[in-house]
Amino acid sequence: MALCAGLGWGQESVPLARDGRALAQIVVNEDAGPVYRYAAGELSRYLHLLSGGDFPVVSPARAGQGPLLLVGGPGANPLTRDLATRKAVDFAGLTKDGFLLWTVNQGRQAAVILGGNDVKPPRFTLFTTSSSGWG
């Protein structure tokens, strides 16, 4: 059995787990606020429940090979900021509480971005990871 993410119009799916083994890592910045860190932990927990795999939560400096689940917008996660700078994802049109879920390929490595407007605490991530359909 495989667990995949395919977010964004026309994007290919990204395998997150296969046969009870996590293929992806959850990336949250070391100095991210408690809401981002909590959201990353909840995402790891729910993905484990869905797939049986253990999804590590790592810092951007420790992100390895394989798919990455980037938690936080460009103001909170340097990997997301790099993708936004390279125009791989656009946060410009988001409202104050806006968020997006988007899949991008960074060379041979895929990333799923769970990020939003970092002007205020990201309630979107908590809602996304803990509401209907995830548990």
Protein backbone atom coordinates (compact mmCIF):
# COMPACT_ATOMS: atom_id res chain seq x y z
CA MET A 1 0.00 0.00 0.00
CA ALA A 2 1.21 3.50 -0.78
CA LEU A 3 0.27 6.89 0.67
CA CYS A 4 0.73 9.72 -1.83
CA ALA A 5 0.19 13.46 -1.96
CA GLY A 6 -0.82 15.15 -5.19
CA LEU A 7 -1.58 18.80 -4.58
CA GLY A 8 -1.76 21.58 -7.11
CA TRP A 9 -3.34 21.58 -10.53
CA GLY A 10 -1.61 19.17 -12.89
CA GLN A 11 0.99 18.11 -10.34
CA GLU A 12 2.20 14.54 -10.13
CA SER A 13 1.58 12.64 -6.93
CA VAL A 14 4.41 12.38 -4.41
CA PRO A 15 4.82 9.06 -2.57
CA LEU A 16 4.95 9.70 1.17
CA ALA A 17 4.95 6.09 2.40
CA ARG A 18 5.08 2.61 0.96
CA ASP A 19 4.48 -0.76 2.63
CA GLY A 20 4.38 0.73 6.12
CA ARG A 21 7.62 2.71 5.67
CA ALA A 22 7.80 6.51 5.56
CA LEU A 23 9.50 7.91 2.48
CA ALA A 24 9.09 11.59 3.41
CA GLN A 25 10.41 13.86 6.14
CA ILE A 26 8.55 16.73 7.78
CA VAL A 27 10.66 19.88 7.79
CA VAL A 28 10.08 22.71 10.27
CA ASN A 29 12.55 25.47 11.10
CA GLU A 30 14.47 25.21 14.39
CA ASP A 31 13.19 28.57 15.59
CA ALA A 32 9.64 28.08 14.35
CA GLY A 33 7.05 29.04 16.90
CA PRO A 34 5.24 26.48 19.03
CA VAL A 35 2.24 26.38 16.68
CA TYR A 36 4.40 25.30 13.72
CA ARG A 37 6.22 22.71 15.82
CA TYR A 38 2.93 21.36 17.15
CA ALA A 39 1.50 21.20 13.62
CA ALA A 40 4.55 19.27 12.41
CA GLY A 41 4.17 16.79 15.27
CA GLU A 42 0.47 16.32 14.56
CA LEU A 43 1.17 15.81 10.86
CA SER A 44 3.74 13.14 11.76
CA ARG A 45 1.28 11.44 14.10
CA TYR A 46 -1.58 11.35 11.60
CA LEU A 47 0.61 10.19 8.73
CA HIS A 48 1.80 7.36 10.99
CA LEU A 49 -1.81 6.41 11.72
CA LEU A 50 -2.60 6.39 7.99
CA SER A 51 0.48 4.53 6.78
CA GLY A 52 2.22 2.81 9.69
CA GLY A 53 5.43 4.67 8.85
CA ASP A 54 7.41 6.87 11.23
CA PHE A 55 7.72 10.36 9.73
CA PRO A 56 10.64 12.22 11.28
CA VAL A 57 10.35 15.94 12.03
CA VAL A 58 13.67 17.53 11.07
CA SER A 59 15.20 20.99 10.72
CA PRO A 60 15.97 22.38 7.24
CA ALA A 61 19.68 21.74 7.85
CA ARG A 62 18.98 18.04 8.50
CA ALA A 63 16.56 17.48 5.60
CA GLY A 64 17.79 14.51 3.59
CA GLN A 65 16.88 12.83 0.36
CA GLY A 66 13.34 11.87 -0.52
CA PRO A 67 10.11 13.86 -0.45
CA LEU A 68 9.91 16.76 1.99
CA LEU A 69 6.80 18.07 3.74
CA LEU A 70 7.65 21.72 4.34
CA VAL A 71 5.68 23.20 7.24
CA GLY A 72 5.49 26.99 7.21
CA GLY A 73 5.40 29.78 4.68
CA PRO A 74 8.37 31.79 3.44
CA GLY A 75 8.60 33.76 6.68
CA ALA A 76 8.88 30.61 8.79
CA ASN A 77 10.71 28.01 6.71
CA PRO A 78 13.89 28.81 4.74
CA LEU A 79 13.29 25.97 2.26
CA THR A 80 9.83 27.37 1.49
CA ARG A 81 11.35 30.85 1.21
CA ASP A 82 13.91 29.53 -1.31
CA LEU A 83 11.14 27.97 -3.43
CA ALA A 84 9.13 31.22 -3.29
CA THR A 85 12.21 33.23 -4.31
CA ARG A 86 12.68 30.91 -7.31
CA LYS A 87 8.98 31.42 -8.20
CA ALA A 88 8.21 27.71 -7.71
CA VAL A 89 5.32 28.74 -5.45
CA ASP A 90 3.50 32.07 -5.01
CA PHE A 91 2.27 33.34 -1.65
CA ALA A 92 1.58 36.89 -2.87
CA GLY A 93 -2.18 36.58 -3.28
CA LEU A 94 -2.90 35.06 0.11
CA THR A 95 -5.10 36.86 2.57
CA LYS A 96 -4.12 37.32 6.21
CA ASP A 97 -5.41 33.84 7.11
CA GLY A 98 -4.71 32.32 3.71
CA PHE A 99 -2.74 29.12 3.18
CA LEU A 100 -1.83 26.75 0.42
CA LEU A 101 -0.97 23.12 -0.09
CA TRP A 102 1.29 22.76 -3.10
CA THR A 103 3.59 20.17 -4.63
CA VAL A 104 6.81 21.22 -6.34
CA ASN A 105 9.82 19.43 -7.73
CA GLN A 106 13.18 20.82 -6.70
CA GLY A 107 15.42 19.05 -9.16
CA ARG A 108 15.10 15.35 -8.42
CA GLN A 109 13.48 15.93 -5.02
CA ALA A 110 9.79 16.62 -4.49
CA ALA A 111 8.36 18.85 -1.79
CA VAL A 112 4.84 19.36 -0.50
CA ILE A 113 4.39 22.81 1.01
CA LEU A 114 1.92 23.34 3.86
CA GLY A 115 2.35 27.04 4.32
CA GLY A 116 0.59 30.31 4.45
CA ASN A 117 0.76 33.95 5.19
CA ASP A 118 3.15 34.16 8.13
CA VAL A 119 1.77 37.50 9.36
CA LYS A 120 0.08 35.81 12.32
CA PRO A 121 0.11 32.32 13.90
CA PRO A 122 -0.78 29.66 11.32
CA ARG A 123 -4.15 28.32 12.40
CA PHE A 124 -4.47 26.79 8.92
CA THR A 125 -1.84 24.16 9.62
CA LEU A 126 -3.51 23.05 12.82
CA PHE A 127 -6.86 22.88 11.06
CA THR A 128 -5.35 20.98 8.13
CA THR A 129 -3.65 18.37 10.29
CA SER A 130 -6.28 17.89 12.97
CA SER A 131 -9.65 18.29 11.30
CA SER A 132 -11.93 16.06 9.28
CA GLY A 133 -10.38 13.42 7.11
CA TRP A 134 -7.01 13.21 8.91
CA GLY A 135 -7.95 11.13 11.88
